[in-house]
Amino acid sequence: MKAIKKFGKTFGKSFGLAALLSVTALASAEAHVTFLDREAKQESTILAALQVPHGCDGKATTEVRVKLPEGFVFAKPQPKAGWELEVIKGDYQKTYDNHGDKVKTGAIEVRWKNGNLSDDFYDIFVIQGKVSGVEADTSLAFPVTQMCGDTVAAWDQVAKEGGDAHGMKSPAPLLKVVAGEDHGHDHDDMAGMDMSGMGGAAPAGETVKAGDLEVSGGFAKAMLPGQPVGGGFFTVKNNGQADDRLVSVSSPAAGEVQIHEMVTKDNVMRMRQLKDGIAIGAGETVKLEPGNLHLMFQKVKTPFKQGDTVPVTLTFEKAGKVDLVLQVLSAQGK
């Protein structure tokens, strides 16, 4: 009986130690920056979601830099509230087909800057892109630099071909490419809300006049699954002799609508919110279009689907409020 009790105590201690080691190993494995979904099909458009589980030695994360590998092309990062976004463009090693267009350059690095992610929390940083020209069973490495003020954590170690990355201290996040017949283009076949006719706005696509202003060509892009923000675009023509200004935008489809600008300088694209709005000079035409001025729908209640419509209210300094309906096109804006 004593032997049994002794064995029980020994077994209990051993089991407890094994369990502790197991939990510690699991926590250590999940302490790296990793992808939420670690597989992607060939020739598919995906949302690559990077999980940042903690800060640097207890310090808050203030910047996340991600280098994009060859074969992950046409990349578009998801903006994050409270963070500045910077996209660095460069040449691809190969030429890629984008709906008939031959593309040789694009985003090669994405940086979320001047944020504040406490060590007590985790967050996800998302980049939309296409996996193209990559053989099945290949792993694409996305080296990440995590900055916490003056402290830097580099997740950039890549195992040699056939090597094991599990023993590495700072492995780069890997995306395994798998074979698949589904090329996952635009997810355009999903139905969604229809907000046409709300608020007395003109039908989608029609020109709306307010004083000397004409607003036309309104559209929004379909949102991919898991994408929390949407983009909106239109053209404003000022036929008058006095300047005006678009000062704010609202929509029942989103908790907040911001006015943003994308500017590229020295192959670096930066996005910033225009809190003072957009000036519409006398006799001028201003276009909100992809890669330039645009609306950003935050806290979207129901993701925009192709074929739907999204009502917005534009507020101008002189022309007042204008109700407009945006037609939702594909994720590529077609």
Protein backbone atom coordinates (compact mmCIF):
# COMPACT_ATOMS: atom_id res chain seq x y z
CA MET A 1 0.00 0.00 0.00
CA LYS A 2 2.86 2.39 0.80
CA ALA A 3 4.48 1.48 -2.51
CA ILE A 4 1.26 2.35 -4.33
CA LYS A 5 1.02 5.70 -2.50
CA LYS A 6 4.66 6.46 -3.31
CA PHE A 7 4.08 5.58 -6.95
CA GLY A 8 0.99 7.81 -6.97
CA LYS A 9 2.94 10.76 -5.59
CA THR A 10 5.79 10.19 -8.04
CA PHE A 11 3.37 9.81 -10.96
CA GLY A 12 1.50 12.92 -9.86
CA LYS A 13 4.69 14.98 -9.72
CA SER A 14 5.86 13.64 -13.07
CA PHE A 15 2.49 14.21 -14.68
CA GLY A 16 2.31 17.73 -13.26
CA LEU A 17 5.81 18.53 -14.53
CA ALA A 18 5.00 17.08 -17.96
CA ALA A 19 1.82 19.10 -18.15
CA LEU A 20 3.68 22.25 -17.15
CA LEU A 21 6.36 21.64 -19.77
CA SER A 22 3.69 20.95 -22.38
CA VAL A 23 1.85 24.19 -21.61
CA THR A 24 5.14 26.12 -21.57
CA ALA A 25 6.11 24.67 -24.96
CA LEU A 26 2.69 25.55 -26.37
CA ALA A 27 2.90 29.09 -25.04
CA SER A 28 6.39 29.42 -26.50
CA ALA A 29 5.20 28.14 -29.89
CA GLU A 30 2.38 30.66 -29.95
CA ALA A 31 4.65 33.49 -28.81
CA HIS A 32 5.95 33.97 -32.37
CA VAL A 33 4.33 36.17 -34.98
CA THR A 34 2.33 33.72 -37.10
CA PHE A 35 -0.43 33.57 -39.69
CA LEU A 36 -3.99 32.98 -38.56
CA ASP A 37 -4.46 30.68 -41.57
CA ARG A 38 -1.16 29.12 -42.54
CA GLU A 39 -2.19 27.65 -45.89
CA ALA A 40 -3.18 29.24 -49.21
CA LYS A 41 -4.21 27.71 -52.52
CA GLN A 42 -2.29 28.32 -55.72
CA GLU A 43 -3.44 31.31 -57.79
CA SER A 44 -5.84 32.45 -55.05
CA THR A 45 -6.53 35.91 -53.65
CA ILE A 46 -6.31 35.72 -49.87
CA LEU A 47 -6.31 37.75 -46.69
CA ALA A 48 -2.96 37.04 -45.03
CA ALA A 49 -3.67 37.74 -41.35
CA LEU A 50 -0.58 38.08 -39.12
CA GLN A 51 -1.04 37.60 -35.37
CA VAL A 52 1.17 39.74 -33.13
CA PRO A 53 0.73 38.09 -29.69
CA HIS A 54 2.78 40.39 -27.45
CA GLY A 55 5.13 43.35 -27.30
CA CYS A 56 8.93 43.41 -26.93
CA ASP A 57 10.13 42.54 -23.43
CA GLY A 58 6.94 43.97 -21.96
CA LYS A 59 6.98 47.12 -24.09
CA ALA A 60 4.08 48.17 -26.33
CA THR A 61 4.37 47.55 -30.07
CA THR A 62 4.59 50.81 -32.02
CA GLU A 63 5.43 49.57 -35.52
CA VAL A 64 5.07 46.37 -37.55
CA ARG A 65 7.01 45.89 -40.79
CA VAL A 66 6.32 43.00 -43.15
CA LYS A 67 8.48 42.09 -46.16
CA LEU A 68 6.47 40.43 -48.92
CA PRO A 69 7.99 37.44 -50.73
CA GLU A 70 8.10 36.92 -54.49
CA GLY A 71 4.90 35.14 -55.47
CA PHE A 72 2.66 37.19 -53.16
CA VAL A 73 1.59 39.97 -55.50
CA PHE A 74 -0.92 42.82 -55.96
CA ALA A 75 -0.78 43.32 -52.19
CA LYS A 76 -3.10 45.76 -50.43
CA PRO A 77 -2.78 46.14 -46.65
CA GLN A 78 -5.76 46.71 -44.39
CA PRO A 79 -5.60 50.09 -42.63
CA LYS A 80 -5.87 50.09 -38.85
CA ALA A 81 -7.42 52.83 -36.77
CA GLY A 82 -4.74 54.72 -34.83
CA TRP A 83 -1.89 53.54 -37.09
CA GLU A 84 -0.21 55.20 -40.06
CA LEU A 85 0.15 53.00 -43.12
CA GLU A 86 3.16 52.95 -45.43
CA VAL A 87 3.54 50.76 -48.52
CA ILE A 88 6.94 50.44 -50.19
CA LYS A 89 6.85 49.50 -53.86
CA GLY A 90 9.51 47.89 -56.00
CA ASP A 91 10.16 45.52 -58.90
CA TYR A 92 9.01 41.91 -58.95
CA GLN A 93 11.50 39.29 -60.10
CA LYS A 94 8.91 38.03 -62.59
CA THR A 95 5.98 39.49 -64.55
CA TYR A 96 2.48 38.64 -63.33
CA ASP A 97 -0.89 38.72 -65.06
CA ASN A 98 -3.54 40.90 -63.43
CA HIS A 99 -6.75 40.42 -65.43
CA GLY A 100 -4.90 40.80 -68.72
CA ASP A 101 -2.45 43.46 -67.56
CA LYS A 102 1.23 42.54 -67.32
CA VAL A 103 2.49 43.76 -63.94
CA LYS A 104 6.19 44.00 -63.06
CA THR A 105 6.08 46.19 -59.94
CA GLY A 106 4.05 46.33 -56.76
CA ALA A 107 4.15 46.38 -52.98
CA ILE A 108 7.22 44.65 -51.56
CA GLU A 109 6.95 45.83 -47.94
CA VAL A 110 4.15 47.06 -45.68
CA ARG A 111 4.58 49.12 -42.51
CA TRP A 112 2.01 49.96 -39.86
CA LYS A 113 3.56 52.86 -37.92
CA ASN A 114 3.09 55.08 -34.87
CA GLY A 115 0.57 52.80 -33.18
CA ASN A 116 0.32 51.60 -29.60
CA LEU A 117 -0.41 47.92 -28.98
CA SER A 118 0.04 47.14 -25.28
CA ASP A 119 1.96 44.03 -24.27
CA ASP A 120 -1.24 42.98 -22.47
CA PHE A 121 -3.08 42.53 -25.77
CA TYR A 122 -2.65 40.95 -29.20
CA ASP A 123 -3.77 42.17 -32.61
CA ILE A 124 -4.00 41.04 -36.22
CA PHE A 125 -2.46 42.83 -39.20
CA VAL A 126 -4.01 41.93 -42.57
CA ILE A 127 -2.71 42.10 -46.14
CA GLN A 128 -4.80 41.17 -49.15
CA GLY A 129 -2.80 39.65 -51.99
CA LYS A 130 -2.62 36.94 -54.62
CA VAL A 131 -0.48 33.82 -54.44
CA SER A 132 0.74 33.47 -58.02
CA GLY A 133 3.37 31.45 -59.85
CA VAL A 134 4.22 29.38 -56.78
CA GLU A 135 4.52 25.59 -56.82
CA ALA A 136 2.42 23.52 -54.43
CA ASP A 137 4.10 22.45 -51.16
CA THR A 138 6.23 25.60 -51.23
CA SER A 139 6.40 27.81 -48.12
CA LEU A 140 6.50 31.57 -48.55
CA ALA A 141 8.35 33.44 -45.78
CA PHE A 142 7.15 36.88 -44.65
CA PRO A 143 9.95 38.38 -42.48
CA VAL A 144 8.47 40.65 -39.80
CA THR A 145 10.14 43.39 -37.80
CA GLN A 146 8.27 44.32 -34.61
CA MET A 147 9.31 47.65 -33.09
CA CYS A 148 8.54 48.76 -29.55
CA GLY A 149 10.04 52.23 -29.29
CA ASP A 150 13.81 51.70 -29.21
CA THR A 151 13.44 47.90 -28.79
CA VAL A 152 13.26 45.71 -31.90
CA ALA A 153 12.19 42.09 -32.34
CA ALA A 154 13.00 40.54 -35.73
CA TRP A 155 10.96 37.51 -36.83
CA ASP A 156 13.07 36.75 -39.87
CA GLN A 157 14.77 33.38 -39.51
CA VAL A 158 14.07 31.03 -42.42
CA ALA A 159 15.06 27.36 -42.43
CA LYS A 160 17.08 26.03 -45.33
CA GLU A 161 15.17 23.95 -47.84
CA GLY A 162 14.09 20.78 -46.08
CA GLY A 163 15.12 22.16 -42.69
CA ASP A 164 13.03 22.37 -39.53
CA ALA A 165 11.93 25.82 -38.36
CA HIS A 166 10.56 24.63 -35.01
CA GLY A 167 13.86 25.00 -33.21
CA MET A 168 14.41 28.56 -34.34
CA LYS A 169 14.22 31.37 -31.82
CA SER A 170 12.77 34.00 -34.19
CA PRO A 171 11.21 32.23 -37.21
CA ALA A 172 9.62 34.26 -39.99
CA PRO A 173 5.88 33.61 -40.45
CA LEU A 174 5.34 30.99 -43.15
CA LEU A 175 2.48 30.56 -45.60
CA LYS A 176 2.30 27.09 -47.12
CA VAL A 177 1.05 26.98 -50.70
CA VAL A 178 -1.20 24.03 -51.49
CA ALA A 179 -2.70 22.78 -54.74
CA GLY A 180 -6.31 23.57 -55.43
CA GLU A 181 -8.73 24.04 -58.30
CA ASP A 182 -10.50 26.95 -56.58
CA HIS A 183 -8.66 30.10 -57.65
CA GLY A 184 -10.69 32.30 -55.30
CA HIS A 185 -10.86 35.43 -57.43
CA ASP A 186 -13.25 37.99 -56.02
CA HIS A 187 -15.93 36.25 -53.98
CA ASP A 188 -18.41 38.21 -56.09
CA ASP A 189 -21.22 35.68 -55.98
CA MET A 190 -22.25 36.40 -52.38
CA ALA A 191 -25.50 38.23 -51.74
CA GLY A 192 -25.86 40.96 -49.15
CA MET A 193 -27.77 44.00 -48.05
CA ASP A 194 -29.60 46.25 -50.51
CA MET A 195 -29.88 49.82 -49.32
CA SER A 196 -31.07 51.41 -52.55
CA GLY A 197 -33.75 54.04 -52.29
CA MET A 198 -32.93 55.01 -48.71
CA GLY A 199 -33.01 58.64 -47.58
CA GLY A 200 -34.38 60.00 -50.87
CA ALA A 201 -31.02 59.70 -52.61
CA ALA A 202 -30.83 59.37 -56.39
CA PRO A 203 -30.47 55.82 -57.80
CA ALA A 204 -26.95 54.39 -57.84
CA GLY A 205 -24.75 55.75 -60.61
CA GLU A 206 -26.82 58.86 -61.34
CA THR A 207 -25.50 62.42 -61.14
CA VAL A 208 -26.62 64.41 -58.10
CA LYS A 209 -26.64 68.23 -58.16
CA ALA A 210 -26.36 70.54 -55.17
CA GLY A 211 -25.95 74.22 -55.91
CA ASP A 212 -22.96 74.57 -58.23
CA LEU A 213 -21.73 71.05 -57.52
CA GLU A 214 -22.29 67.87 -59.53
CA VAL A 215 -21.51 64.52 -57.90
CA SER A 216 -21.27 61.50 -60.21
CA GLY A 217 -19.70 58.09 -60.78
CA GLY A 218 -20.22 56.86 -57.23
CA PHE A 219 -19.13 53.30 -56.43
CA ALA A 220 -17.74 51.14 -53.62
CA LYS A 221 -15.61 48.01 -53.71
CA ALA A 222 -16.85 44.61 -52.58
CA MET A 223 -15.21 43.50 -49.34
CA LEU A 224 -13.50 40.13 -49.03
CA PRO A 225 -14.49 37.83 -46.14
CA GLY A 226 -12.99 39.09 -42.89
CA GLN A 227 -12.20 42.52 -44.29
CA PRO A 228 -13.54 45.09 -41.77
CA VAL A 229 -13.18 48.29 -43.82
CA GLY A 230 -14.60 49.32 -47.19
CA GLY A 231 -13.62 51.88 -49.83
CA GLY A 232 -15.84 54.41 -51.62
CA PHE A 233 -15.26 56.65 -54.65
CA PHE A 234 -16.96 59.36 -56.72
CA THR A 235 -16.32 62.53 -58.75
CA VAL A 236 -17.22 66.11 -57.77
CA LYS A 237 -17.38 68.92 -60.34
CA ASN A 238 -17.64 72.54 -59.22
CA ASN A 239 -19.39 74.59 -61.91
CA GLY A 240 -19.45 77.75 -59.80
CA GLN A 241 -17.11 80.67 -59.29
CA ALA A 242 -16.58 80.04 -55.55
CA ASP A 243 -14.51 77.34 -53.85
CA ASP A 244 -16.25 74.70 -51.75
CA ARG A 245 -15.06 71.90 -49.48
CA LEU A 246 -16.19 68.37 -48.65
CA VAL A 247 -15.99 68.45 -44.86
CA SER A 248 -17.51 65.12 -43.76
CA VAL A 249 -19.24 61.93 -44.88
CA SER A 250 -21.64 59.60 -43.05
CA SER A 251 -23.47 56.39 -43.90
CA PRO A 252 -25.95 54.07 -42.14
CA ALA A 253 -23.81 51.19 -43.44
CA ALA A 254 -20.83 52.08 -41.25
CA GLY A 255 -20.08 53.37 -37.79
CA GLU A 256 -17.70 55.96 -39.23
CA VAL A 257 -16.67 57.19 -42.68
CA GLN A 258 -13.28 58.87 -43.04
CA ILE A 259 -11.77 60.80 -45.95
CA HIS A 260 -8.31 59.49 -46.86
CA GLU A 261 -5.50 60.23 -49.29
CA MET A 262 -2.84 57.90 -50.71
CA VAL A 263 0.40 59.61 -51.77
CA THR A 264 3.39 57.90 -53.42
CA LYS A 265 6.83 59.46 -53.15
CA ASP A 266 10.14 57.74 -53.93
CA ASN A 267 8.27 54.43 -54.40
CA VAL A 268 6.78 54.72 -50.92
CA MET A 269 3.02 54.94 -50.62
CA ARG A 270 1.58 56.58 -47.51
CA MET A 271 -2.03 56.91 -46.46
CA ARG A 272 -3.35 59.62 -44.19
CA GLN A 273 -6.72 60.83 -43.00
CA LEU A 274 -7.79 64.25 -44.26
CA LYS A 275 -9.45 65.63 -41.16
CA ASP A 276 -9.98 69.01 -42.84
CA GLY A 277 -11.76 67.41 -45.80
CA ILE A 278 -11.16 68.00 -49.52
CA ALA A 279 -11.09 71.39 -51.24
CA ILE A 280 -13.26 71.64 -54.38
CA GLY A 281 -11.90 74.66 -56.22
CA ALA A 282 -14.07 76.86 -58.46
CA GLY A 283 -14.28 75.36 -61.95
CA GLU A 284 -12.37 72.25 -60.84
CA THR A 285 -13.18 68.54 -60.89
CA VAL A 286 -11.96 66.32 -58.04
CA LYS A 287 -11.94 62.53 -58.36
CA LEU A 288 -11.96 60.10 -55.47
CA GLU A 289 -10.44 56.95 -56.97
CA PRO A 290 -8.43 53.87 -55.94
CA GLY A 291 -4.84 54.71 -55.04
CA ASN A 292 -5.63 58.38 -54.48
CA LEU A 293 -8.38 60.21 -52.60
CA HIS A 294 -11.05 57.86 -51.24
CA LEU A 295 -13.63 57.21 -48.56
CA MET A 296 -12.89 54.63 -45.87
CA PHE A 297 -15.87 52.96 -44.22
CA GLN A 298 -14.98 51.93 -40.64
CA LYS A 299 -16.99 49.58 -38.40
CA VAL A 300 -18.98 48.26 -41.36
CA LYS A 301 -22.23 46.63 -40.21
CA THR A 302 -22.60 44.23 -43.16
CA PRO A 303 -19.73 43.60 -45.63
CA PHE A 304 -20.27 45.20 -49.03
CA LYS A 305 -21.14 42.64 -51.72
CA GLN A 306 -21.05 43.13 -55.47
CA GLY A 307 -24.44 44.24 -56.77
CA ASP A 308 -25.46 45.94 -53.53
CA THR A 309 -25.71 49.67 -52.95
CA VAL A 310 -24.39 51.82 -50.12
CA PRO A 311 -26.04 55.16 -49.24
CA VAL A 312 -23.85 58.04 -48.07
CA THR A 313 -24.45 61.63 -47.06
CA LEU A 314 -21.81 64.11 -48.17
CA THR A 315 -21.59 67.40 -46.30
CA PHE A 316 -20.09 70.36 -48.16
CA GLU A 317 -19.11 73.65 -46.60
CA LYS A 318 -21.34 75.72 -48.93
CA ALA A 319 -23.53 73.30 -50.91
CA GLY A 320 -24.70 71.56 -47.71
CA LYS A 321 -25.76 67.93 -47.47
CA VAL A 322 -25.93 65.70 -50.55
CA ASP A 323 -27.37 62.17 -50.51
CA LEU A 324 -25.57 59.75 -52.83
CA VAL A 325 -25.89 56.02 -53.52
CA LEU A 326 -22.73 54.04 -54.29
CA GLN A 327 -22.99 50.96 -56.50
CA VAL A 328 -20.89 48.09 -55.11
CA LEU A 329 -18.58 46.70 -57.78
CA SER A 330 -16.13 43.80 -57.51
CA ALA A 331 -13.17 43.87 -55.12
CA GLN A 332 -11.10 45.11 -58.07
CA GLY A 333 -13.56 47.95 -58.70
CA LYS A 334 -14.86 46.50 -61.98
